[in-house]
């Protein structure tokens, strides 16, 4: 039981660290930049004004989708790495691994 409490405290520590970590992902050659935390919260999306073409809204939409998806993927990889070290690679439901 004491081991479980220790693991819970470590888990809470890692989750807090993930929430504080931030990374940026660019798509469309830097036209769209997505900033995301290690716990998968998008904190900002920046769009280069040059990417705003009223005749090609679909391109901007595609860049946004690509940027957000890549940011989420990288954030999940970071979480899996940090949490995987804690759990010894075990897949524990609810931890996002």
PDB file of N, CA and C in Angstrom:
ATOM      1  N   UNK A   1       0.830  -1.201   0.000  1.00  0.00           N
ATOM      2  CA  UNK A   1       0.000   0.000   0.000  1.00  0.00           C
ATOM      3  C   UNK A   1       0.872   1.262   0.000  1.00  0.00           C
ATOM      4  N   UNK A   2       1.954   1.208   0.769  1.00  0.00           N
ATOM      5  CA  UNK A   2       2.854   2.351   0.817  1.00  0.00           C
ATOM      6  C   UNK A   2       3.494   2.582  -0.550  1.00  0.00           C
ATOM      7  N   UNK A   3       3.786   1.499  -1.265  1.00  0.00           N
ATOM      8  CA  UNK A   3       4.364   1.612  -2.590  1.00  0.00           C
ATOM      9  C   UNK A   3       3.381   2.296  -3.551  1.00  0.00           C
ATOM     10  N   UNK A   4       2.109   1.968  -3.422  1.00  0.00           N
ATOM     11  CA  UNK A   4       1.088   2.599  -4.268  1.00  0.00           C
ATOM     12  C   UNK A   4       0.987   4.094  -3.988  1.00  0.00           C
ATOM     13  N   UNK A   5       1.082   4.474  -2.715  1.00  0.00           N
ATOM     14  CA  UNK A   5       1.034   5.899  -2.370  1.00  0.00           C
ATOM     15  C   UNK A   5       2.234   6.638  -2.951  1.00  0.00           C
ATOM     16  N   UNK A   6       3.407   5.983  -2.865  1.00  0.00           N
ATOM     17  CA  UNK A   6       4.609   6.598  -3.420  1.00  0.00           C
ATOM     18  C   UNK A   6       4.454   6.763  -4.932  1.00  0.00           C
ATOM     19  N   UNK A   7       3.947   5.750  -5.603  1.00  0.00           N
ATOM     20  CA  UNK A   7       3.747   5.819  -7.047  1.00  0.00           C
ATOM     21  C   UNK A   7       2.736   6.910  -7.398  1.00  0.00           C
ATOM     22  N   UNK A   8       1.683   7.040  -6.597  1.00  0.00           N
ATOM     23  CA  UNK A   8       0.681   8.079  -6.818  1.00  0.00           C
ATOM     24  C   UNK A   8       1.304   9.465  -6.713  1.00  0.00           C
ATOM     25  N   UNK A   9       2.163   9.665  -5.709  1.00  0.00           N
ATOM     26  CA  UNK A   9       2.825  10.966  -5.547  1.00  0.00           C
ATOM     27  C   UNK A   9       3.750  11.251  -6.725  1.00  0.00           C
ATOM     28  N   UNK A  10       4.481  10.233  -7.170  1.00  0.00           N
ATOM     29  CA  UNK A  10       5.351  10.402  -8.325  1.00  0.00           C
ATOM     30  C   UNK A  10       4.539  10.725  -9.576  1.00  0.00           C
ATOM     31  N   UNK A  11       3.413  10.052  -9.721  1.00  0.00           N
ATOM     32  CA  UNK A  11       2.526  10.289 -10.858  1.00  0.00           C
ATOM     33  C   UNK A  11       2.029  11.736 -10.852  1.00  0.00           C
ATOM     34  N   UNK A  12       1.612  12.211  -9.708  1.00  0.00           N
ATOM     35  CA  UNK A  12       1.142  13.588  -9.593  1.00  0.00           C
ATOM     36  C   UNK A  12       2.259  14.578  -9.924  1.00  0.00           C
ATOM     37  N   UNK A  13       3.474  14.262  -9.491  1.00  0.00           N
ATOM     38  CA  UNK A  13       4.629  15.121  -9.781  1.00  0.00           C
ATOM     39  C   UNK A  13       4.884  15.177 -11.291  1.00  0.00           C
ATOM     40  N   UNK A  14       4.875  14.021 -11.952  1.00  0.00           N
ATOM     41  CA  UNK A  14       5.113  13.971 -13.394  1.00  0.00           C
ATOM     42  C   UNK A  14       4.011  14.703 -14.140  1.00  0.00           C
ATOM     43  N   UNK A  15       2.762  14.518 -13.721  1.00  0.00           N
ATOM     44  CA  UNK A  15       1.655  15.209 -14.388  1.00  0.00           C
ATOM     45  C   UNK A  15       1.785  16.727 -14.237  1.00  0.00           C
ATOM     46  N   UNK A  16       2.228  17.191 -13.072  1.00  0.00           N
ATOM     47  CA  UNK A  16       2.432  18.629 -12.867  1.00  0.00           C
ATOM     48  C   UNK A  16       3.567  19.136 -13.761  1.00  0.00           C
ATOM     49  N   UNK A  17       4.638  18.339 -13.889  1.00  0.00           N
ATOM     50  CA  UNK A  17       5.748  18.715 -14.762  1.00  0.00           C
ATOM     51  C   UNK A  17       5.279  18.801 -16.214  1.00  0.00           C
ATOM     52  N   UNK A  18       4.468  17.844 -16.641  1.00  0.00           N
ATOM     53  CA  UNK A  18       3.956  17.857 -18.009  1.00  0.00           C
ATOM     54  C   UNK A  18       3.115  19.101 -18.269  1.00  0.00           C
ATOM     55  N   UNK A  19       2.307  19.487 -17.292  1.00  0.00           N
ATOM     56  CA  UNK A  19       1.452  20.661 -17.457  1.00  0.00           C
ATOM     57  C   UNK A  19       2.279  21.932 -17.617  1.00  0.00           C
ATOM     58  N   UNK A  20       3.492  21.937 -17.040  1.00  0.00           N
ATOM     59  CA  UNK A  20       4.344  23.120 -17.117  1.00  0.00           C
ATOM     60  C   UNK A  20       5.212  23.140 -18.372  1.00  0.00           C
ATOM     61  N   UNK A  21       5.422  21.989 -18.992  1.00  0.00           N
ATOM     62  CA  UNK A  21       6.248  21.937 -20.199  1.00  0.00           C
ATOM     63  C   UNK A  21       5.443  22.393 -21.402  1.00  0.00           C
ATOM     64  N   UNK A  22       6.120  23.098 -22.276  1.00  0.00           N
ATOM     65  CA  UNK A  22       5.459  23.626 -23.464  1.00  0.00           C
ATOM     66  C   UNK A  22       6.355  23.390 -24.670  1.00  0.00           C
ATOM     67  N   UNK A  23       5.730  23.140 -25.810  1.00  0.00           N
ATOM     68  CA  UNK A  23       6.484  22.970 -27.048  1.00  0.00           C
ATOM     69  C   UNK A  23       5.738  23.643 -28.184  1.00  0.00           C
ATOM     70  N   UNK A  24       6.496  24.011 -29.224  1.00  0.00           N
ATOM     71  CA  UNK A  24       5.906  24.628 -30.404  1.00  0.00           C
ATOM     72  C   UNK A  24       6.087  23.705 -31.592  1.00  0.00           C
ATOM     73  N   UNK A  25       5.059  23.646 -32.420  1.00  0.00           N
ATOM     74  CA  UNK A  25       5.086  22.851 -33.641  1.00  0.00           C
ATOM     75  C   UNK A  25       4.639  23.757 -34.781  1.00  0.00           C
ATOM     76  N   UNK A  26       5.400  23.740 -35.866  1.00  0.00           N
ATOM     77  CA  UNK A  26       5.062  24.566 -37.027  1.00  0.00           C
ATOM     78  C   UNK A  26       4.585  23.681 -38.167  1.00  0.00           C
ATOM     79  N   UNK A  27       3.654  24.199 -38.943  1.00  0.00           N
ATOM     80  CA  UNK A  27       3.214  23.513 -40.157  1.00  0.00           C
ATOM     81  C   UNK A  27       3.148  24.549 -41.283  1.00  0.00           C
ATOM     82  N   UNK A  28       3.065  24.049 -42.493  1.00  0.00           N
ATOM     83  CA  UNK A  28       3.005  24.960 -43.647  1.00  0.00           C
ATOM     84  C   UNK A  28       4.244  25.815 -43.761  1.00  0.00           C
ATOM     85  N   UNK A  29       5.405  25.227 -43.447  1.00  0.00           N
ATOM     86  CA  UNK A  29       6.645  25.991 -43.541  1.00  0.00           C
ATOM     87  C   UNK A  29       6.729  27.126 -42.543  1.00  0.00           C
ATOM     88  N   UNK A  30       6.044  26.997 -41.433  1.00  0.00           N
ATOM     89  CA  UNK A  30       6.054  28.027 -40.394  1.00  0.00           C
ATOM     90  C   UNK A  30       4.891  28.992 -40.486  1.00  0.00           C
ATOM     91  N   UNK A  31       3.991  28.768 -41.422  1.00  0.00           N
ATOM     92  CA  UNK A  31       2.831  29.658 -41.567  1.00  0.00           C
ATOM     93  C   UNK A  31       1.877  29.529 -40.388  1.00  0.00           C
ATOM     94  N   UNK A  32       1.850  28.345 -39.780  1.00  0.00           N
ATOM     95  CA  UNK A  32       1.021  28.105 -38.608  1.00  0.00           C
ATOM     96  C   UNK A  32       1.915  27.531 -37.520  1.00  0.00           C
ATOM     97  N   UNK A  33       1.869  28.123 -36.325  1.00  0.00           N
ATOM     98  CA  UNK A  33       2.653  27.643 -35.194  1.00  0.00           C
ATOM     99  C   UNK A  33       1.690  27.365 -34.046  1.00  0.00           C
ATOM    100  N   UNK A  34       1.732  26.116 -33.556  1.00  0.00           N
ATOM    101  CA  UNK A  34       0.860  25.683 -32.462  1.00  0.00           C
ATOM    102  C   UNK A  34       1.716  25.474 -31.229  1.00  0.00           C
ATOM    103  N   UNK A  35       1.295  26.055 -30.122  1.00  0.00           N
ATOM    104  CA  UNK A  35       1.976  25.849 -28.852  1.00  0.00           C
ATOM    105  C   UNK A  35       1.082  24.977 -27.985  1.00  0.00           C
ATOM    106  N   UNK A  36       1.691  23.920 -27.389  1.00  0.00           N
ATOM    107  CA  UNK A  36       0.930  22.953 -26.611  1.00  0.00           C
ATOM    108  C   UNK A  36       1.726  22.560 -25.369  1.00  0.00           C
ATOM    109  N   UNK A  37       1.022  22.207 -24.306  1.00  0.00           N
ATOM    110  CA  UNK A  37       1.679  21.761 -23.086  1.00  0.00           C
ATOM    111  C   UNK A  37       1.850  20.244 -23.123  1.00  0.00           C
ATOM    112  N   UNK A  38       2.630  19.729 -22.205  1.00  0.00           N
ATOM    113  CA  UNK A  38       2.862  18.295 -22.108  1.00  0.00           C
ATOM    114  C   UNK A  38       1.638  17.515 -21.697  1.00  0.00           C
ATOM    115  N   UNK A  39       0.608  18.211 -21.210  1.00  0.00           N
ATOM    116  CA  UNK A  39      -0.635  17.514 -20.866  1.00  0.00           C
ATOM    117  C   UNK A  39      -1.733  17.792 -21.894  1.00  0.00           C
ATOM    118  N   UNK A  40      -1.320  18.038 -23.119  1.00  0.00           N
ATOM    119  CA  UNK A  40      -2.175  18.165 -24.299  1.00  0.00           C
ATOM    120  C   UNK A  40      -3.164  19.332 -24.262  1.00  0.00           C
ATOM    121  N   UNK A  41      -2.731  20.466 -23.749  1.00  0.00           N
ATOM    122  CA  UNK A  41      -3.571  21.661 -23.787  1.00  0.00           C
ATOM    123  C   UNK A  41      -2.920  22.662 -24.745  1.00  0.00           C
ATOM    124  N   UNK A  42      -3.661  23.042 -25.767  1.00  0.00           N
ATOM    125  CA  UNK A  42      -3.159  24.027 -26.724  1.00  0.00           C
ATOM    126  C   UNK A  42      -3.248  25.397 -26.063  1.00  0.00           C
ATOM    127  N   UNK A  43      -2.111  26.103 -26.041  1.00  0.00           N
ATOM    128  CA  UNK A  43      -2.080  27.406 -25.388  1.00  0.00           C
ATOM    129  C   UNK A  43      -2.104  28.561 -26.380  1.00  0.00           C
ATOM    130  N   UNK A  44      -1.686  28.296 -27.628  1.00  0.00           N
ATOM    131  CA  UNK A  44      -1.793  29.348 -28.640  1.00  0.00           C
ATOM    132  C   UNK A  44      -1.635  28.766 -30.039  1.00  0.00           C
ATOM    133  N   UNK A  45      -2.219  29.465 -30.982  1.00  0.00           N
ATOM    134  CA  UNK A  45      -2.049  29.169 -32.401  1.00  0.00           C
ATOM    135  C   UNK A  45      -1.747  30.502 -33.076  1.00  0.00           C
ATOM    136  N   UNK A  46      -0.596  30.562 -33.758  1.00  0.00           N
ATOM    137  CA  UNK A  46      -0.210  31.787 -34.467  1.00  0.00           C
ATOM    138  C   UNK A  46      -0.247  31.507 -35.961  1.00  0.00           C
ATOM    139  N   UNK A  47      -0.790  32.460 -36.692  1.00  0.00           N
ATOM    140  CA  UNK A  47      -0.913  32.340 -38.146  1.00  0.00           C
ATOM    141  C   UNK A  47      -0.203  33.516 -38.799  1.00  0.00           C
ATOM    142  N   UNK A  48       0.719  33.200 -39.674  1.00  0.00           N
ATOM    143  CA  UNK A  48       1.421  34.235 -40.436  1.00  0.00           C
ATOM    144  C   UNK A  48       0.399  34.916 -41.352  1.00  0.00           C
ATOM    145  N   UNK A  49       0.302  36.235 -41.319  1.00  0.00           N
ATOM    146  CA  UNK A  49      -0.656  36.941 -42.175  1.00  0.00           C
ATOM    147  C   UNK A  49      -0.510  36.607 -43.659  1.00  0.00           C
ATOM    148  N   UNK A  50       0.687  36.217 -44.074  1.00  0.00           N
ATOM    149  CA  UNK A  50       0.900  35.838 -45.471  1.00  0.00           C
ATOM    150  C   UNK A  50       0.112  34.572 -45.835  1.00  0.00           C
ATOM    151  N   UNK A  51      -0.261  33.781 -44.822  1.00  0.00           N
ATOM    152  CA  UNK A  51      -0.994  32.533 -45.072  1.00  0.00           C
ATOM    153  C   UNK A  51      -2.488  32.779 -45.262  1.00  0.00           C
ATOM    154  N   UNK A  52      -2.919  34.007 -45.038  1.00  0.00           N
ATOM    155  CA  UNK A  52      -4.340  34.331 -45.154  1.00  0.00           C
ATOM    156  C   UNK A  52      -4.680  34.695 -46.599  1.00  0.00           C
ATOM    157  N   UNK A  53      -5.204  33.727 -47.309  1.00  0.00           N
ATOM    158  CA  UNK A  53      -5.612  33.922 -48.699  1.00  0.00           C
ATOM    159  C   UNK A  53      -7.106  33.626 -48.777  1.00  0.00           C
ATOM    160  N   UNK A  54      -7.942  34.654 -48.929  1.00  0.00           N
ATOM    161  CA  UNK A  54      -9.387  34.432 -48.954  1.00  0.00           C
ATOM    162  C   UNK A  54      -9.833  33.501 -50.079  1.00  0.00           C
ATOM    163  N   UNK A  55      -8.989  33.343 -51.093  1.00  0.00           N
ATOM    164  CA  UNK A  55      -9.346  32.449 -52.199  1.00  0.00           C
ATOM    165  C   UNK A  55      -8.930  31.002 -51.955  1.00  0.00           C
ATOM    166  N   UNK A  56      -8.185  30.762 -50.857  1.00  0.00           N
ATOM    167  CA  UNK A  56      -7.743  29.396 -50.556  1.00  0.00           C
ATOM    168  C   UNK A  56      -7.816  29.131 -49.052  1.00  0.00           C
ATOM    169  N   UNK A  57      -9.003  29.251 -48.502  1.00  0.00           N
ATOM    170  CA  UNK A  57      -9.223  29.008 -47.073  1.00  0.00           C
ATOM    171  C   UNK A  57      -8.898  27.554 -46.726  1.00  0.00           C
ATOM    172  N   UNK A  58      -9.130  26.647 -47.654  1.00  0.00           N
ATOM    173  CA  UNK A  58      -8.866  25.229 -47.421  1.00  0.00           C
ATOM    174  C   UNK A  58      -7.419  24.952 -47.071  1.00  0.00           C
ATOM    175  N   UNK A  59      -6.480  25.672 -47.680  1.00  0.00           N
ATOM    176  CA  UNK A  59      -5.064  25.483 -47.375  1.00  0.00           C
ATOM    177  C   UNK A  59      -4.779  25.842 -45.924  1.00  0.00           C
ATOM    178  N   UNK A  60      -5.304  26.962 -45.459  1.00  0.00           N
ATOM    179  CA  UNK A  60      -5.119  27.373 -44.064  1.00  0.00           C
ATOM    180  C   UNK A  60      -5.744  26.346 -43.129  1.00  0.00           C
ATOM    181  N   UNK A  61      -6.920  25.873 -43.461  1.00  0.00           N
ATOM    182  CA  UNK A  61      -7.575  24.853 -42.640  1.00  0.00           C
ATOM    183  C   UNK A  61      -6.717  23.596 -42.556  1.00  0.00           C
ATOM    184  N   UNK A  62      -6.150  23.173 -43.668  1.00  0.00           N
ATOM    185  CA  UNK A  62      -5.282  21.991 -43.682  1.00  0.00           C
ATOM    186  C   UNK A  62      -4.037  22.200 -42.827  1.00  0.00           C
ATOM    187  N   UNK A  63      -3.444  23.395 -42.893  1.00  0.00           N
ATOM    188  CA  UNK A  63      -2.251  23.690 -42.091  1.00  0.00           C
ATOM    189  C   UNK A  63      -2.584  23.678 -40.606  1.00  0.00           C
ATOM    190  N   UNK A  64      -3.764  24.213 -40.258  1.00  0.00           N
ATOM    191  CA  UNK A  64      -4.184  24.198 -38.851  1.00  0.00           C
ATOM    192  C   UNK A  64      -4.380  22.777 -38.352  1.00  0.00           C
ATOM    193  N   UNK A  65      -5.061  21.956 -39.120  1.00  0.00           N
ATOM    194  CA  UNK A  65      -5.291  20.565 -38.732  1.00  0.00           C
ATOM    195  C   UNK A  65      -3.954  19.835 -38.585  1.00  0.00           C
ATOM    196  N   UNK A  66      -3.060  20.015 -39.543  1.00  0.00           N
ATOM    197  CA  UNK A  66      -1.755  19.354 -39.492  1.00  0.00           C
ATOM    198  C   UNK A  66      -0.953  19.805 -38.277  1.00  0.00           C
ATOM    199  N   UNK A  67      -0.957  21.095 -38.012  1.00  0.00           N
ATOM    200  CA  UNK A  67      -0.213  21.626 -36.871  1.00  0.00           C
ATOM    201  C   UNK A  67      -0.751  21.135 -35.545  1.00  0.00           C
ATOM    202  N   UNK A  68      -2.058  21.157 -35.401  1.00  0.00           N
ATOM    203  CA  UNK A  68      -2.679  20.702 -34.153  1.00  0.00           C
ATOM    204  C   UNK A  68      -2.438  19.206 -33.956  1.00  0.00           C
ATOM    205  N   UNK A  69      -2.622  18.421 -35.008  1.00  0.00           N
ATOM    206  CA  UNK A  69      -2.411  16.974 -34.885  1.00  0.00           C
ATOM    207  C   UNK A  69      -0.967  16.637 -34.539  1.00  0.00           C
ATOM    208  N   UNK A  70      -0.018  17.325 -35.162  1.00  0.00           N
ATOM    209  CA  UNK A  70       1.388  17.064 -34.849  1.00  0.00           C
ATOM    210  C   UNK A  70       1.716  17.490 -33.419  1.00  0.00           C
ATOM    211  N   UNK A  71       1.177  18.622 -32.987  1.00  0.00           N
ATOM    212  CA  UNK A  71       1.410  19.088 -31.621  1.00  0.00           C
ATOM    213  C   UNK A  71       0.868  18.090 -30.608  1.00  0.00           C
ATOM    214  N   UNK A  72      -0.328  17.592 -30.844  1.00  0.00           N
ATOM    215  CA  UNK A  72      -0.919  16.606 -29.936  1.00  0.00           C
ATOM    216  C   UNK A  72      -0.065  15.339 -29.918  1.00  0.00           C
ATOM    217  N   UNK A  73       0.368  14.896 -31.085  1.00  0.00           N
ATOM    218  CA  UNK A  73       1.210  13.706 -31.155  1.00  0.00           C
ATOM    219  C   UNK A  73       2.500  13.865 -30.378  1.00  0.00           C
ATOM    220  N   UNK A  74       3.165  14.997 -30.542  1.00  0.00           N
ATOM    221  CA  UNK A  74       4.417  15.237 -29.807  1.00  0.00           C
ATOM    222  C   UNK A  74       4.175  15.319 -28.309  1.00  0.00           C
ATOM    223  N   UNK A  75       3.082  15.957 -27.921  1.00  0.00           N
ATOM    224  CA  UNK A  75       2.752  16.058 -26.508  1.00  0.00           C
ATOM    225  C   UNK A  75       2.477  14.679 -25.914  1.00  0.00           C
ATOM    226  N   UNK A  76       1.776  13.844 -26.656  1.00  0.00           N
ATOM    227  CA  UNK A  76       1.500  12.482 -26.186  1.00  0.00           C
ATOM    228  C   UNK A  76       2.779  11.664 -26.086  1.00  0.00           C
ATOM    229  N   UNK A  77       3.702  11.848 -27.024  1.00  0.00           N
ATOM    230  CA  UNK A  77       4.988  11.146 -26.963  1.00  0.00           C
ATOM    231  C   UNK A  77       5.756  11.545 -25.710  1.00  0.00           C
ATOM    232  N   UNK A  78       5.775  12.837 -25.410  1.00  0.00           N
ATOM    233  CA  UNK A  78       6.459  13.326 -24.211  1.00  0.00           C
ATOM    234  C   UNK A  78       5.826  12.726 -22.959  1.00  0.00           C
ATOM    235  N   UNK A  79       4.502  12.730 -22.900  1.00  0.00           N
ATOM    236  CA  UNK A  79       3.801  12.171 -21.738  1.00  0.00           C
ATOM    237  C   UNK A  79       4.083  10.679 -21.609  1.00  0.00           C
ATOM    238  N   UNK A  80       4.058   9.964 -22.719  1.00  0.00           N
ATOM    239  CA  UNK A  80       4.311   8.529 -22.676  1.00  0.00           C
ATOM    240  C   UNK A  80       5.721   8.239 -22.189  1.00  0.00           C
ATOM    241  N   UNK A  81       6.680   9.050 -22.628  1.00  0.00           N
ATOM    242  CA  UNK A  81       8.062   8.848 -22.204  1.00  0.00           C
ATOM    243  C   UNK A  81       8.197   9.077 -20.699  1.00  0.00           C
ATOM    244  N   UNK A  82       7.650  10.193 -20.216  1.00  0.00           N
ATOM    245  CA  UNK A  82       7.776  10.512 -18.789  1.00  0.00           C
ATOM    246  C   UNK A  82       6.978   9.544 -17.918  1.00  0.00           C
ATOM    247  N   UNK A  83       5.757   9.257 -18.324  1.00  0.00           N
ATOM    248  CA  UNK A  83       4.932   8.357 -17.520  1.00  0.00           C
ATOM    249  C   UNK A  83       5.393   6.913 -17.666  1.00  0.00           C
ATOM    250  N   UNK A  84       5.910   6.556 -18.838  1.00  0.00           N
ATOM    251  CA  UNK A  84       6.420   5.204 -19.048  1.00  0.00           C
ATOM    252  C   UNK A  84       7.597   4.910 -18.141  1.00  0.00           C
ATOM    253  N   UNK A  85       8.438   5.910 -17.908  1.00  0.00           N
ATOM    254  CA  UNK A  85       9.566   5.733 -16.992  1.00  0.00           C
ATOM    255  C   UNK A  85       9.066   5.463 -15.581  1.00  0.00           C
ATOM    256  N   UNK A  86       7.973   6.075 -15.213  1.00  0.00           N
ATOM    257  CA  UNK A  86       7.400   5.899 -13.882  1.00  0.00           C
ATOM    258  C   UNK A  86       6.745   4.536 -13.726  1.00  0.00           C
ATOM    259  N   UNK A  87       6.039   4.087 -14.752  1.00  0.00           N
ATOM    260  CA  UNK A  87       5.278   2.833 -14.654  1.00  0.00           C
ATOM    261  C   UNK A  87       6.064   1.625 -15.140  1.00  0.00           C
ATOM    262  N   UNK A  88       7.284   1.846 -15.578  1.00  0.00           N
ATOM    263  CA  UNK A  88       8.084   0.735 -16.084  1.00  0.00           C
ATOM    264  C   UNK A  88       7.548   0.172 -17.386  1.00  0.00           C
ATOM    265  N   UNK A  89       6.855   1.005 -18.152  1.00  0.00           N
ATOM    266  CA  UNK A  89       6.335   0.583 -19.439  1.00  0.00           C
ATOM    267  C   UNK A  89       4.978  -0.092 -19.385  1.00  0.00           C
ATOM    268  N   UNK A  90       4.403  -0.230 -18.187  1.00  0.00           N
ATOM    269  CA  UNK A  90       3.067  -0.826 -18.075  1.00  0.00           C
ATOM    270  C   UNK A  90       2.018   0.102 -18.664  1.00  0.00           C
ATOM    271  N   UNK A  91       1.051  -0.452 -19.330  1.00  0.00           N
ATOM    272  CA  UNK A  91      -0.065   0.334 -19.872  1.00  0.00           C
ATOM    273  C   UNK A  91      -1.132   0.408 -18.781  1.00  0.00           C
ATOM    274  N   UNK A  92      -1.278   1.587 -18.191  1.00  0.00           N
ATOM    275  CA  UNK A  92      -2.258   1.769 -17.117  1.00  0.00           C
ATOM    276  C   UNK A  92      -3.388   2.642 -17.652  1.00  0.00           C
ATOM    277  N   UNK A  93      -4.613   2.126 -17.650  1.00  0.00           N
ATOM    278  CA  UNK A  93      -5.751   2.894 -18.170  1.00  0.00           C
ATOM    279  C   UNK A  93      -5.874   4.247 -17.472  1.00  0.00           C
ATOM    280  N   UNK A  94      -6.189   5.277 -18.260  1.00  0.00           N
ATOM    281  CA  UNK A  94      -6.420   6.596 -17.702  1.00  0.00           C
ATOM    282  C   UNK A  94      -5.183   7.471 -17.631  1.00  0.00           C
ATOM    283  N   UNK A  95      -4.007   6.912 -17.919  1.00  0.00           N
ATOM    284  CA  UNK A  95      -2.798   7.707 -17.857  1.00  0.00           C
ATOM    285  C   UNK A  95      -2.406   8.295 -19.201  1.00  0.00           C
ATOM    286  N   UNK A  96      -3.142   7.952 -20.236  1.00  0.00           N
ATOM    287  CA  UNK A  96      -2.853   8.488 -21.558  1.00  0.00           C
ATOM    288  C   UNK A  96      -1.634   7.858 -22.209  1.00  0.00           C
ATOM    289  N   UNK A  97      -1.323   6.664 -21.801  1.00  0.00           N
ATOM    290  CA  UNK A  97      -0.165   5.968 -22.394  1.00  0.00           C
ATOM    291  C   UNK A  97      -0.611   5.119 -23.549  1.00  0.00           C
TER     292      UNK A  97
END
